[in-house]
Amino acid sequence: MRVLVEGSGGAHGWPRHGCRCASCLRKEGDGAPRARSAIVVDEALRIAAGGEPDGAGFVVRTVPGGWDVTSAAGERLLYPAGPGSSPDPPDGAERYDIAFLDLLGDPAQLGRLRARGLITASTTTAVAFADHRVPGEKELARRAACWRASVPGDGESVSRVRSDQKERADVGGRPWRVLVLGGARSGKSERAELRLAGEADVTYVATGPDGAGDAEWAARVAAHRARRPAWWRTVETTDLAGVLASARGAVLIDGIGTWLAAELDDCGAWDGPAGRDRLAARTAALIAAWRQTRARVVAVSDETGLGVVPGTAAGRLFRDELGRLNQALAAESEETELVMAGRPVLLAGW
């Protein structure tokens, strides 16, 4: 099965005619517009956003949110009905050879389909409907890389993954570590969740209190829970070294700051050198587990070093210990990202 991408830019193209948003103006400036989305399968079947598939020689089934297409040779394609649609094949459906998905609308649908075995390492996964819901091409490419999806352009062809391509994809998907830093309400947690949206097997590690007795904190916890995909596992623990040593799949730790606060209390580090020695041993164990983990890990941490010097000894101790821990984790990470006002800045690597 070979798919020609006639247009890749959403129902109205990218830039959208007459739109004055920053994304569309940026897209006008790069000189590489994306036409209204449409694909042609094996030169015989055409599918455009919002329209019925047009062509012969295929078995075309309607599924909630999209189209299930099978060729005469038995190869299978999944395509969304339009921007904002998330195809939901029925139970018992077989694996797809090619899947176009509106990952800008719902990136977690990819993880859901992978968890069901409908998209595997043998599936060619492509972003459909690239448009002004993303700030620009660079950010689109960065997100697609996190999701292990391609971003075909107008006039490009997409085909099923060959066996040698599958081997390279498996190697490229090996475990790695990402540290996401940011201040309060910077969007760092949302960014970390976005990075792992395409993963089938995710353990979310909550290191903070559950909010019992604190209505405002409980509301924050509830908001975090509501954002997470239903199939993610949630573990509430401060035993991060243990989680990292045993985990497989993907792990999201949110966050390092609340873990450190709990450990400062538990070690009695506020009270003097003996407690700080105990804390040093625990942070060393965390760093060692982070270095050797077999899971794909994304950890969220607070960047507390940009404000004024705290007015209390306890505040200064927390800031200094967290700053040192962030440095150590960043040094053992393949990527470190700083999020400010919802905008990620990839920090230079080694």
C-alpha atoms as a PDB file:
ATOM      1  CA  MET A   1       0.000   0.000   0.000  1.00  0.00           C
ATOM      2  CA  ARG A   2       1.296   3.415  -0.999  1.00  0.00           C
ATOM      3  CA  VAL A   3      -0.358   6.665   0.030  1.00  0.00           C
ATOM      4  CA  LEU A   4       0.214   9.926  -1.847  1.00  0.00           C
ATOM      5  CA  VAL A   5      -0.298  12.970   0.368  1.00  0.00           C
ATOM      6  CA  GLU A   6      -1.986  15.521  -1.896  1.00  0.00           C
ATOM      7  CA  GLY A   7      -2.355  17.989   0.959  1.00  0.00           C
ATOM      8  CA  SER A   8      -1.260  17.861   4.584  1.00  0.00           C
ATOM      9  CA  GLY A   9      -2.520  21.106   6.080  1.00  0.00           C
ATOM     10  CA  GLY A  10      -5.819  20.481   7.774  1.00  0.00           C
ATOM     11  CA  ALA A  11      -9.310  21.186   6.501  1.00  0.00           C
ATOM     12  CA  HIS A  12      -8.360  24.730   5.472  1.00  0.00           C
ATOM     13  CA  GLY A  13      -4.650  24.379   4.789  1.00  0.00           C
ATOM     14  CA  TRP A  14      -1.791  25.968   6.684  1.00  0.00           C
ATOM     15  CA  PRO A  15      -1.637  28.964   6.641  1.00  0.00           C
ATOM     16  CA  ARG A  16      -5.385  29.334   6.649  1.00  0.00           C
ATOM     17  CA  HIS A  17      -6.522  32.032   4.226  1.00  0.00           C
ATOM     18  CA  GLY A  18      -7.279  35.263   6.056  1.00  0.00           C
ATOM     19  CA  CYS A  19      -6.129  33.998   9.443  1.00  0.00           C
ATOM     20  CA  ARG A  20      -3.951  36.457  11.353  1.00  0.00           C
ATOM     21  CA  CYS A  21      -2.775  34.113  14.123  1.00  0.00           C
ATOM     22  CA  ALA A  22       0.949  33.934  14.886  1.00  0.00           C
ATOM     23  CA  SER A  23       1.184  30.386  13.534  1.00  0.00           C
ATOM     24  CA  CYS A  24      -0.361  31.252  10.165  1.00  0.00           C
ATOM     25  CA  LEU A  25       1.731  34.411   9.775  1.00  0.00           C
ATOM     26  CA  ARG A  26       4.832  32.423  10.632  1.00  0.00           C
ATOM     27  CA  LYS A  27       3.815  29.798   8.089  1.00  0.00           C
ATOM     28  CA  GLU A  28       3.318  32.452   5.405  1.00  0.00           C
ATOM     29  CA  GLY A  29       6.858  33.583   6.024  1.00  0.00           C
ATOM     30  CA  ASP A  30       8.504  30.188   5.627  1.00  0.00           C
ATOM     31  CA  GLY A  31       7.402  29.842   2.011  1.00  0.00           C
ATOM     32  CA  ALA A  32       6.241  26.232   2.362  1.00  0.00           C
ATOM     33  CA  PRO A  33       2.458  26.217   2.712  1.00  0.00           C
ATOM     34  CA  ARG A  34       0.542  23.020   3.350  1.00  0.00           C
ATOM     35  CA  ALA A  35      -2.533  22.505   1.169  1.00  0.00           C
ATOM     36  CA  ARG A  36      -5.935  21.295   2.364  1.00  0.00           C
ATOM     37  CA  SER A  37      -5.643  17.744   3.573  1.00  0.00           C
ATOM     38  CA  ALA A  38      -6.264  14.886   1.151  1.00  0.00           C
ATOM     39  CA  ILE A  39      -4.636  11.526   0.385  1.00  0.00           C
ATOM     40  CA  VAL A  40      -4.766   9.073  -2.530  1.00  0.00           C
ATOM     41  CA  VAL A  41      -4.277   5.366  -1.778  1.00  0.00           C
ATOM     42  CA  ASP A  42      -2.625   3.226  -4.492  1.00  0.00           C
ATOM     43  CA  GLU A  43      -3.691   5.771  -7.132  1.00  0.00           C
ATOM     44  CA  ALA A  44      -7.261   4.546  -6.782  1.00  0.00           C
ATOM     45  CA  LEU A  45      -8.930   5.797  -3.591  1.00  0.00           C
ATOM     46  CA  ARG A  46      -9.080   9.450  -2.534  1.00  0.00           C
ATOM     47  CA  ILE A  47      -9.904  10.607   1.000  1.00  0.00           C
ATOM     48  CA  ALA A  48     -10.281  14.282   1.874  1.00  0.00           C
ATOM     49  CA  ALA A  49     -11.076  15.848   5.230  1.00  0.00           C
ATOM     50  CA  GLY A  50     -14.802  15.954   5.829  1.00  0.00           C
ATOM     51  CA  GLY A  51     -15.677  13.915   2.729  1.00  0.00           C
ATOM     52  CA  GLU A  52     -16.509  10.324   1.844  1.00  0.00           C
ATOM     53  CA  PRO A  53     -13.723   8.110   0.430  1.00  0.00           C
ATOM     54  CA  ASP A  54     -13.984   8.092  -3.349  1.00  0.00           C
ATOM     55  CA  GLY A  55     -12.666   5.151  -5.348  1.00  0.00           C
ATOM     56  CA  ALA A  56     -12.909   1.427  -6.005  1.00  0.00           C
ATOM     57  CA  GLY A  57     -10.964  -1.747  -5.237  1.00  0.00           C
ATOM     58  CA  PHE A  58     -10.920  -1.345  -1.443  1.00  0.00           C
ATOM     59  CA  VAL A  59     -13.043  -2.400   1.490  1.00  0.00           C
ATOM     60  CA  VAL A  60     -13.920   0.838   3.261  1.00  0.00           C
ATOM     61  CA  ARG A  61     -15.565   0.695   6.665  1.00  0.00           C
ATOM     62  CA  THR A  62     -16.788   3.563   8.779  1.00  0.00           C
ATOM     63  CA  VAL A  63     -15.477   3.544  12.344  1.00  0.00           C
ATOM     64  CA  PRO A  64     -16.262   6.148  14.998  1.00  0.00           C
ATOM     65  CA  GLY A  65     -14.135   9.152  14.094  1.00  0.00           C
ATOM     66  CA  GLY A  66     -12.741   7.908  10.797  1.00  0.00           C
ATOM     67  CA  TRP A  67     -12.219   5.329   8.105  1.00  0.00           C
ATOM     68  CA  ASP A  68     -10.866   1.782   8.087  1.00  0.00           C
ATOM     69  CA  VAL A  69      -9.514   0.887   4.626  1.00  0.00           C
ATOM     70  CA  THR A  70      -8.356  -2.563   3.478  1.00  0.00           C
ATOM     71  CA  SER A  71      -6.677  -3.111   0.103  1.00  0.00           C
ATOM     72  CA  ALA A  72      -7.097  -6.160  -2.132  1.00  0.00           C
ATOM     73  CA  ALA A  73      -3.728  -7.377  -0.795  1.00  0.00           C
ATOM     74  CA  GLY A  74      -5.009  -7.162   2.785  1.00  0.00           C
ATOM     75  CA  GLU A  75      -3.044  -4.067   3.840  1.00  0.00           C
ATOM     76  CA  ARG A  76      -4.851  -1.786   6.248  1.00  0.00           C
ATOM     77  CA  LEU A  77      -5.114   1.991   6.610  1.00  0.00           C
ATOM     78  CA  LEU A  78      -6.691   4.110   9.353  1.00  0.00           C
ATOM     79  CA  TYR A  79      -7.632   7.711   8.564  1.00  0.00           C
ATOM     80  CA  PRO A  80      -9.534  10.315  10.632  1.00  0.00           C
ATOM     81  CA  ALA A  81     -12.780  11.850   9.433  1.00  0.00           C
ATOM     82  CA  GLY A  82     -11.478  15.376   9.941  1.00  0.00           C
ATOM     83  CA  PRO A  83      -9.590  17.667  12.313  1.00  0.00           C
ATOM     84  CA  GLY A  84     -10.562  16.900  15.877  1.00  0.00           C
ATOM     85  CA  SER A  85     -11.571  13.328  15.073  1.00  0.00           C
ATOM     86  CA  SER A  86     -10.030  10.333  16.839  1.00  0.00           C
ATOM     87  CA  PRO A  87     -10.719   7.041  15.041  1.00  0.00           C
ATOM     88  CA  ASP A  88     -11.875   4.337  17.433  1.00  0.00           C
ATOM     89  CA  PRO A  89     -11.840   0.910  15.738  1.00  0.00           C
ATOM     90  CA  PRO A  90     -14.018  -1.770  17.330  1.00  0.00           C
ATOM     91  CA  ASP A  91     -12.677  -4.500  19.589  1.00  0.00           C
ATOM     92  CA  GLY A  92     -11.151  -7.307  17.573  1.00  0.00           C
ATOM     93  CA  ALA A  93      -9.816  -5.049  14.829  1.00  0.00           C
ATOM     94  CA  GLU A  94      -6.480  -6.048  13.324  1.00  0.00           C
ATOM     95  CA  ARG A  95      -3.211  -4.110  13.336  1.00  0.00           C
ATOM     96  CA  TYR A  96      -2.898  -1.278  10.806  1.00  0.00           C
ATOM     97  CA  ASP A  97      -0.080  -0.996   8.287  1.00  0.00           C
ATOM     98  CA  ILE A  98      -0.496   2.791   7.939  1.00  0.00           C
ATOM     99  CA  ALA A  99      -2.266   5.154  10.343  1.00  0.00           C
ATOM    100  CA  PHE A 100      -2.858   8.871   9.800  1.00  0.00           C
ATOM    101  CA  LEU A 101      -3.970  10.549  13.028  1.00  0.00           C
ATOM    102  CA  ASP A 102      -4.862  14.076  14.109  1.00  0.00           C
ATOM    103  CA  LEU A 103      -2.267  14.163  16.851  1.00  0.00           C
ATOM    104  CA  LEU A 104      -2.536  17.931  17.247  1.00  0.00           C
ATOM    105  CA  GLY A 105      -6.130  17.434  18.316  1.00  0.00           C
ATOM    106  CA  ASP A 106      -5.632  14.407  20.563  1.00  0.00           C
ATOM    107  CA  PRO A 107      -2.078  13.089  20.895  1.00  0.00           C
ATOM    108  CA  ALA A 108      -3.146  10.517  23.494  1.00  0.00           C
ATOM    109  CA  GLN A 109      -5.138   8.620  20.869  1.00  0.00           C
ATOM    110  CA  LEU A 110      -1.820   7.258  19.582  1.00  0.00           C
ATOM    111  CA  GLY A 111      -0.938   5.804  22.974  1.00  0.00           C
ATOM    112  CA  ARG A 112      -4.443   4.351  23.235  1.00  0.00           C
ATOM    113  CA  LEU A 113      -4.176   2.632  19.840  1.00  0.00           C
ATOM    114  CA  ARG A 114      -0.705   1.335  20.717  1.00  0.00           C
ATOM    115  CA  ALA A 115      -1.998  -0.002  24.022  1.00  0.00           C
ATOM    116  CA  ARG A 116      -4.678  -1.922  22.079  1.00  0.00           C
ATOM    117  CA  GLY A 117      -2.086  -3.366  19.681  1.00  0.00           C
ATOM    118  CA  LEU A 118      -3.632  -1.654  16.653  1.00  0.00           C
ATOM    119  CA  ILE A 119      -0.500   0.422  16.050  1.00  0.00           C
ATOM    120  CA  THR A 120       2.853  -1.323  16.502  1.00  0.00           C
ATOM    121  CA  ALA A 121       6.479  -0.857  15.465  1.00  0.00           C
ATOM    122  CA  SER A 122       5.420  -2.274  12.083  1.00  0.00           C
ATOM    123  CA  THR A 123       2.895   0.522  11.535  1.00  0.00           C
ATOM    124  CA  THR A 124       3.768   3.676   9.652  1.00  0.00           C
ATOM    125  CA  THR A 125       2.232   6.433  11.805  1.00  0.00           C
ATOM    126  CA  ALA A 126       1.798   9.890  10.289  1.00  0.00           C
ATOM    127  CA  VAL A 127       0.456  13.227  11.497  1.00  0.00           C
ATOM    128  CA  ALA A 128      -2.715  14.282   9.689  1.00  0.00           C
ATOM    129  CA  PHE A 129      -4.111  17.818   9.472  1.00  0.00           C
ATOM    130  CA  ALA A 130      -0.984  19.836  10.326  1.00  0.00           C
ATOM    131  CA  ASP A 131      -2.267  23.363  10.859  1.00  0.00           C
ATOM    132  CA  HIS A 132      -2.217  26.400  13.103  1.00  0.00           C
ATOM    133  CA  ARG A 133      -2.950  24.420  16.264  1.00  0.00           C
ATOM    134  CA  VAL A 134       0.837  24.143  16.574  1.00  0.00           C
ATOM    135  CA  PRO A 135       3.092  27.231  16.726  1.00  0.00           C
ATOM    136  CA  GLY A 136       5.262  26.237  13.770  1.00  0.00           C
ATOM    137  CA  GLU A 137       7.046  23.532  11.826  1.00  0.00           C
ATOM    138  CA  LYS A 138       9.911  23.180  14.312  1.00  0.00           C
ATOM    139  CA  GLU A 139       7.573  22.489  17.199  1.00  0.00           C
ATOM    140  CA  LEU A 140       5.531  20.127  15.017  1.00  0.00           C
ATOM    141  CA  ALA A 141       8.673  18.148  14.184  1.00  0.00           C
ATOM    142  CA  ARG A 142       9.720  18.077  17.850  1.00  0.00           C
ATOM    143  CA  ARG A 143       6.351  16.731  18.992  1.00  0.00           C
ATOM    144  CA  ALA A 144       6.237  14.153  16.210  1.00  0.00           C
ATOM    145  CA  ALA A 145       9.675  12.893  17.222  1.00  0.00           C
ATOM    146  CA  CYS A 146       8.428  12.417  20.804  1.00  0.00           C
ATOM    147  CA  TRP A 147       5.438  10.484  19.490  1.00  0.00           C
ATOM    148  CA  ARG A 148       7.520   8.467  16.990  1.00  0.00           C
ATOM    149  CA  ALA A 149       5.354   9.677  14.117  1.00  0.00           C
ATOM    150  CA  SER A 150       6.271  11.120  10.730  1.00  0.00           C
ATOM    151  CA  VAL A 151       5.106  14.461   9.319  1.00  0.00           C
ATOM    152  CA  PRO A 152       4.692  14.003   5.551  1.00  0.00           C
ATOM    153  CA  GLY A 153       4.492  17.056   3.354  1.00  0.00           C
ATOM    154  CA  ASP A 154       2.439  17.807   0.273  1.00  0.00           C
ATOM    155  CA  GLY A 155       3.355  15.537  -2.619  1.00  0.00           C
ATOM    156  CA  GLU A 156       5.166  12.976  -0.465  1.00  0.00           C
ATOM    157  CA  SER A 157       4.405   9.260  -0.464  1.00  0.00           C
ATOM    158  CA  VAL A 158       3.877   7.134   2.624  1.00  0.00           C
ATOM    159  CA  SER A 159       4.196   3.352   2.607  1.00  0.00           C
ATOM    160  CA  ARG A 160       4.195   0.545   5.151  1.00  0.00           C
ATOM    161  CA  VAL A 161       7.283  -0.007   7.302  1.00  0.00           C
ATOM    162  CA  ARG A 162       9.805  -2.446   5.842  1.00  0.00           C
ATOM    163  CA  SER A 163      11.504  -4.951   8.144  1.00  0.00           C
ATOM    164  CA  ASP A 164      14.818  -3.063   8.112  1.00  0.00           C
ATOM    165  CA  GLN A 165      13.011   0.188   8.913  1.00  0.00           C
ATOM    166  CA  LYS A 166      11.290  -1.563  11.840  1.00  0.00           C
ATOM    167  CA  GLU A 167      14.646  -2.601  13.251  1.00  0.00           C
ATOM    168  CA  ARG A 168      15.925   0.969  13.098  1.00  0.00           C
ATOM    169  CA  ALA A 169      12.720   2.250  14.709  1.00  0.00           C
ATOM    170  CA  ASP A 170      13.103  -0.248  17.547  1.00  0.00           C
ATOM    171  CA  VAL A 171      16.689   0.901  18.159  1.00  0.00           C
ATOM    172  CA  GLY A 172      15.628   4.554  18.057  1.00  0.00           C
ATOM    173  CA  GLY A 173      12.938   3.833  20.661  1.00  0.00           C
ATOM    174  CA  ARG A 174      15.372   2.656  23.360  1.00  0.00           C
ATOM    175  CA  PRO A 175      14.974   4.083  26.892  1.00  0.00           C
ATOM    176  CA  TRP A 176      16.123   7.637  27.492  1.00  0.00           C
ATOM    177  CA  ARG A 177      15.749  10.393  30.082  1.00  0.00           C
ATOM    178  CA  VAL A 178      14.255  13.891  29.850  1.00  0.00           C
ATOM    179  CA  LEU A 179      14.200  16.550  32.556  1.00  0.00           C
ATOM    180  CA  VAL A 180      11.501  19.228  32.154  1.00  0.00           C
ATOM    181  CA  LEU A 181      12.115  22.364  34.220  1.00  0.00           C
ATOM    182  CA  GLY A 182       9.875  25.347  34.817  1.00  0.00           C
ATOM    183  CA  GLY A 183       8.441  27.751  37.333  1.00  0.00           C
ATOM    184  CA  ALA A 184       4.988  27.724  38.894  1.00  0.00           C
ATOM    185  CA  ARG A 185       2.185  27.542  36.320  1.00  0.00           C
ATOM    186  CA  SER A 186       4.713  27.519  33.495  1.00  0.00           C
ATOM    187  CA  GLY A 187       3.109  24.559  31.705  1.00  0.00           C
ATOM    188  CA  LYS A 188       5.917  22.139  32.572  1.00  0.00           C
ATOM    189  CA  SER A 189       3.610  19.295  33.637  1.00  0.00           C
ATOM    190  CA  GLU A 190       1.506  19.602  30.498  1.00  0.00           C
ATOM    191  CA  ARG A 191       4.682  19.529  28.420  1.00  0.00           C
ATOM    192  CA  ALA A 192       5.893  16.368  30.123  1.00  0.00           C
ATOM    193  CA  GLU A 193       2.533  14.698  29.563  1.00  0.00           C
ATOM    194  CA  LEU A 194       2.579  15.723  25.901  1.00  0.00           C
ATOM    195  CA  ARG A 195       5.962  14.055  25.444  1.00  0.00           C
ATOM    196  CA  LEU A 196       4.590  10.677  26.554  1.00  0.00           C
ATOM    197  CA  ALA A 197       1.130  10.929  24.979  1.00  0.00           C
ATOM    198  CA  GLY A 198       2.033   8.423  22.272  1.00  0.00           C
ATOM    199  CA  GLU A 199       3.264   5.725  24.643  1.00  0.00           C
ATOM    200  CA  ALA A 200       1.225   2.588  25.283  1.00  0.00           C
ATOM    201  CA  ASP A 201       2.664   1.766  28.705  1.00  0.00           C
ATOM    202  CA  VAL A 202       3.007   4.731  31.082  1.00  0.00           C
ATOM    203  CA  THR A 203       3.421   4.843  34.848  1.00  0.00           C
ATOM    204  CA  TYR A 204       2.657   8.247  36.354  1.00  0.00           C
ATOM    205  CA  VAL A 205       4.530   8.744  39.630  1.00  0.00           C
ATOM    206  CA  ALA A 206       2.949  11.348  41.909  1.00  0.00           C
ATOM    207  CA  THR A 207       5.367  12.393  44.631  1.00  0.00           C
ATOM    208  CA  GLY A 208       3.264  15.027  46.363  1.00  0.00           C
ATOM    209  CA  PRO A 209       0.473  14.849  48.962  1.00  0.00           C
ATOM    210  CA  ASP A 210      -3.040  13.901  47.826  1.00  0.00           C
ATOM    211  CA  GLY A 211      -4.572  17.139  49.080  1.00  0.00           C
ATOM    212  CA  ALA A 212      -6.524  15.727  52.005  1.00  0.00           C
ATOM    213  CA  GLY A 213      -7.507  18.658  54.215  1.00  0.00           C
ATOM    214  CA  ASP A 214      -6.359  21.261  51.677  1.00  0.00           C
ATOM    215  CA  ALA A 215      -9.083  22.110  49.175  1.00  0.00           C
ATOM    216  CA  GLU A 216      -6.865  24.234  46.949  1.00  0.00           C
ATOM    217  CA  TRP A 217      -4.162  21.554  46.675  1.00  0.00           C
ATOM    218  CA  ALA A 218      -6.804  18.862  46.145  1.00  0.00           C
ATOM    219  CA  ALA A 219      -8.153  20.866  43.192  1.00  0.00           C
ATOM    220  CA  ARG A 220      -4.662  20.951  41.663  1.00  0.00           C
ATOM    221  CA  VAL A 221      -4.303  17.181  42.076  1.00  0.00           C
ATOM    222  CA  ALA A 222      -7.743  16.625  40.513  1.00  0.00           C
ATOM    223  CA  ALA A 223      -6.815  18.759  37.507  1.00  0.00           C
ATOM    224  CA  HIS A 224      -3.674  16.704  36.949  1.00  0.00           C
ATOM    225  CA  ARG A 225      -5.629  13.461  37.189  1.00  0.00           C
ATOM    226  CA  ALA A 226      -8.254  14.658  34.712  1.00  0.00           C
ATOM    227  CA  ARG A 227      -5.585  15.392  32.089  1.00  0.00           C
ATOM    228  CA  ARG A 228      -4.019  11.942  32.245  1.00  0.00           C
ATOM    229  CA  PRO A 229      -5.137   9.207  29.828  1.00  0.00           C
ATOM    230  CA  ALA A 230      -7.320   6.597  31.463  1.00  0.00           C
ATOM    231  CA  TRP A 231      -4.956   3.704  30.731  1.00  0.00           C
ATOM    232  CA  TRP A 232      -1.945   5.280  32.500  1.00  0.00           C
ATOM    233  CA  ARG A 233      -1.093   3.714  35.855  1.00  0.00           C
ATOM    234  CA  THR A 234      -0.717   6.081  38.811  1.00  0.00           C
ATOM    235  CA  VAL A 235       1.693   5.335  41.647  1.00  0.00           C
ATOM    236  CA  GLU A 236       1.832   7.641  44.674  1.00  0.00           C
ATOM    237  CA  THR A 237       5.269   7.193  46.219  1.00  0.00           C
ATOM    238  CA  THR A 238       8.543   8.875  47.108  1.00  0.00           C
ATOM    239  CA  ASP A 239      10.541   5.717  46.361  1.00  0.00           C
ATOM    240  CA  LEU A 240      11.746   7.051  43.033  1.00  0.00           C
ATOM    241  CA  ALA A 241      14.922   4.958  43.033  1.00  0.00           C
ATOM    242  CA  GLY A 242      12.810   1.822  43.450  1.00  0.00           C
ATOM    243  CA  VAL A 243      10.426   2.798  40.665  1.00  0.00           C
ATOM    244  CA  LEU A 244      13.262   3.592  38.260  1.00  0.00           C
ATOM    245  CA  ALA A 245      15.031   0.337  39.048  1.00  0.00           C
ATOM    246  CA  SER A 246      11.988  -1.836  38.342  1.00  0.00           C
ATOM    247  CA  ALA A 247       9.999   0.079  35.745  1.00  0.00           C
ATOM    248  CA  ARG A 248       9.704  -0.776  32.076  1.00  0.00           C
ATOM    249  CA  GLY A 249       7.839   1.124  29.414  1.00  0.00           C
ATOM    250  CA  ALA A 250       7.576   4.845  30.165  1.00  0.00           C
ATOM    251  CA  VAL A 251       7.575   6.716  33.480  1.00  0.00           C
ATOM    252  CA  LEU A 252       6.463  10.282  34.188  1.00  0.00           C
ATOM    253  CA  ILE A 253       7.629  11.697  37.522  1.00  0.00           C
ATOM    254  CA  ASP A 254       5.783  14.773  38.757  1.00  0.00           C
ATOM    255  CA  GLY A 255       7.699  16.037  40.433  1.00  0.00           C
ATOM    256  CA  ILE A 256      11.212  16.250  41.765  1.00  0.00           C
ATOM    257  CA  GLY A 257      10.495  19.321  43.914  1.00  0.00           C
ATOM    258  CA  THR A 258       7.732  17.661  45.937  1.00  0.00           C
ATOM    259  CA  TRP A 259       9.916  14.537  46.280  1.00  0.00           C
ATOM    260  CA  LEU A 260      12.741  16.651  47.688  1.00  0.00           C
ATOM    261  CA  ALA A 261      10.446  18.435  50.147  1.00  0.00           C
ATOM    262  CA  ALA A 262       9.209  15.084  51.464  1.00  0.00           C
ATOM    263  CA  GLU A 263      12.760  13.747  51.762  1.00  0.00           C
ATOM    264  CA  LEU A 264      13.955  16.856  53.585  1.00  0.00           C
ATOM    265  CA  ASP A 265      11.246  16.185  56.185  1.00  0.00           C
ATOM    266  CA  ASP A 266      11.842  12.451  56.391  1.00  0.00           C
ATOM    267  CA  CYS A 267      15.618  12.782  56.736  1.00  0.00           C
ATOM    268  CA  GLY A 268      15.425  15.596  59.281  1.00  0.00           C
ATOM    269  CA  ALA A 269      17.609  17.646  56.971  1.00  0.00           C
ATOM    270  CA  TRP A 270      16.159  20.890  58.293  1.00  0.00           C
ATOM    271  CA  ASP A 271      17.762  20.200  61.675  1.00  0.00           C
ATOM    272  CA  GLY A 272      21.438  19.829  60.905  1.00  0.00           C
ATOM    273  CA  PRO A 273      24.352  17.981  59.259  1.00  0.00           C
ATOM    274  CA  ALA A 274      23.280  14.437  60.180  1.00  0.00           C
ATOM    275  CA  GLY A 275      19.951  14.842  58.405  1.00  0.00           C
ATOM    276  CA  ARG A 276      21.633  16.402  55.403  1.00  0.00           C
ATOM    277  CA  ASP A 277      23.982  13.437  55.160  1.00  0.00           C
ATOM    278  CA  ARG A 278      20.956  11.140  55.031  1.00  0.00           C
ATOM    279  CA  LEU A 279      19.455  13.344  52.339  1.00  0.00           C
ATOM    280  CA  ALA A 280      22.686  13.227  50.330  1.00  0.00           C
ATOM    281  CA  ALA A 281      22.576   9.429  50.381  1.00  0.00           C
ATOM    282  CA  ARG A 282      18.998   9.397  49.077  1.00  0.00           C
ATOM    283  CA  THR A 283      19.661  11.893  46.307  1.00  0.00           C
ATOM    284  CA  ALA A 284      22.730   9.865  45.291  1.00  0.00           C
ATOM    285  CA  ALA A 285      20.536   6.747  45.103  1.00  0.00           C
ATOM    286  CA  LEU A 286      18.027   8.618  42.935  1.00  0.00           C
ATOM    287  CA  ILE A 287      20.713   9.841  40.554  1.00  0.00           C
ATOM    288  CA  ALA A 288      22.204   6.353  40.269  1.00  0.00           C
ATOM    289  CA  ALA A 289      18.778   4.860  39.473  1.00  0.00           C
ATOM    290  CA  TRP A 290      18.093   7.638  36.947  1.00  0.00           C
ATOM    291  CA  ARG A 291      21.417   6.889  35.258  1.00  0.00           C
ATOM    292  CA  GLN A 292      20.765   3.136  34.935  1.00  0.00           C
ATOM    293  CA  THR A 293      16.991   2.926  34.409  1.00  0.00           C
ATOM    294  CA  ARG A 294      15.639   0.785  31.586  1.00  0.00           C
ATOM    295  CA  ALA A 295      12.465   2.847  31.345  1.00  0.00           C
ATOM    296  CA  ARG A 296      11.857   5.879  29.183  1.00  0.00           C
ATOM    297  CA  VAL A 297      11.587   8.584  31.855  1.00  0.00           C
ATOM    298  CA  VAL A 298      10.342  12.149  31.815  1.00  0.00           C
ATOM    299  CA  ALA A 299      10.661  14.017  35.117  1.00  0.00           C
ATOM    300  CA  VAL A 300       9.198  17.397  36.025  1.00  0.00           C
ATOM    301  CA  SER A 301      11.117  19.693  38.348  1.00  0.00           C
ATOM    302  CA  ASP A 302      10.830  23.245  39.598  1.00  0.00           C
ATOM    303  CA  GLU A 303      13.291  25.921  38.560  1.00  0.00           C
ATOM    304  CA  THR A 304      13.593  27.929  41.776  1.00  0.00           C
ATOM    305  CA  GLY A 305      16.824  29.777  41.121  1.00  0.00           C
ATOM    306  CA  LEU A 306      15.435  32.684  39.100  1.00  0.00           C
ATOM    307  CA  GLY A 307      13.757  34.608  41.920  1.00  0.00           C
ATOM    308  CA  VAL A 308      14.938  36.540  44.919  1.00  0.00           C
ATOM    309  CA  VAL A 309      16.968  34.849  47.657  1.00  0.00           C
ATOM    310  CA  PRO A 310      14.500  33.187  50.073  1.00  0.00           C
ATOM    311  CA  GLY A 311      14.101  35.032  53.364  1.00  0.00           C
ATOM    312  CA  THR A 312      14.401  31.946  55.579  1.00  0.00           C
ATOM    313  CA  ALA A 313      17.111  29.353  56.117  1.00  0.00           C
ATOM    314  CA  ALA A 314      14.633  26.581  55.258  1.00  0.00           C
ATOM    315  CA  GLY A 315      13.747  28.267  51.965  1.00  0.00           C
ATOM    316  CA  ARG A 316      17.403  28.698  51.062  1.00  0.00           C
ATOM    317  CA  LEU A 317      18.160  25.068  51.904  1.00  0.00           C
ATOM    318  CA  PHE A 318      15.331  23.820  49.671  1.00  0.00           C
ATOM    319  CA  ARG A 319      16.371  26.091  46.804  1.00  0.00           C
ATOM    320  CA  ASP A 320      20.029  25.085  47.041  1.00  0.00           C
ATOM    321  CA  GLU A 321      19.346  21.343  47.330  1.00  0.00           C
ATOM    322  CA  LEU A 322      16.892  21.405  44.435  1.00  0.00           C
ATOM    323  CA  GLY A 323      19.305  23.378  42.281  1.00  0.00           C
ATOM    324  CA  ARG A 324      22.055  20.831  42.891  1.00  0.00           C
ATOM    325  CA  LEU A 325      19.703  17.923  42.223  1.00  0.00           C
ATOM    326  CA  ASN A 326      18.446  19.490  38.985  1.00  0.00           C
ATOM    327  CA  GLN A 327      22.035  19.900  37.827  1.00  0.00           C
ATOM    328  CA  ALA A 328      22.844  16.269  38.580  1.00  0.00           C
ATOM    329  CA  LEU A 329      19.740  14.931  36.799  1.00  0.00           C
ATOM    330  CA  ALA A 330      20.303  17.201  33.790  1.00  0.00           C
ATOM    331  CA  ALA A 331      23.874  15.943  33.514  1.00  0.00           C
ATOM    332  CA  GLU A 332      22.538  12.385  33.203  1.00  0.00           C
ATOM    333  CA  SER A 333      19.734  13.232  30.757  1.00  0.00           C
ATOM    334  CA  GLU A 334      19.653  13.023  26.992  1.00  0.00           C
ATOM    335  CA  GLU A 335      17.463  16.138  26.911  1.00  0.00           C
ATOM    336  CA  THR A 336      16.669  18.963  29.306  1.00  0.00           C
ATOM    337  CA  GLU A 337      13.891  21.412  28.555  1.00  0.00           C
ATOM    338  CA  LEU A 338      12.938  24.676  30.229  1.00  0.00           C
ATOM    339  CA  VAL A 339       9.291  25.721  29.955  1.00  0.00           C
ATOM    340  CA  MET A 340       8.436  29.399  30.319  1.00  0.00           C
ATOM    341  CA  ALA A 341       4.907  30.756  29.747  1.00  0.00           C
ATOM    342  CA  GLY A 342       4.029  27.469  28.085  1.00  0.00           C
ATOM    343  CA  ARG A 343       6.887  27.775  25.597  1.00  0.00           C
ATOM    344  CA  PRO A 344       9.547  25.047  25.701  1.00  0.00           C
ATOM    345  CA  VAL A 345      13.211  25.892  25.277  1.00  0.00           C
ATOM    346  CA  LEU A 346      15.453  22.928  24.588  1.00  0.00           C
ATOM    347  CA  LEU A 347      18.644  23.478  26.542  1.00  0.00           C
ATOM    348  CA  ALA A 348      21.882  22.792  24.712  1.00  0.00           C
ATOM    349  CA  GLY A 349      23.196  19.272  25.193  1.00  0.00           C
ATOM    350  CA  TRP A 350      26.677  18.004  25.671  1.00  0.00           C
END
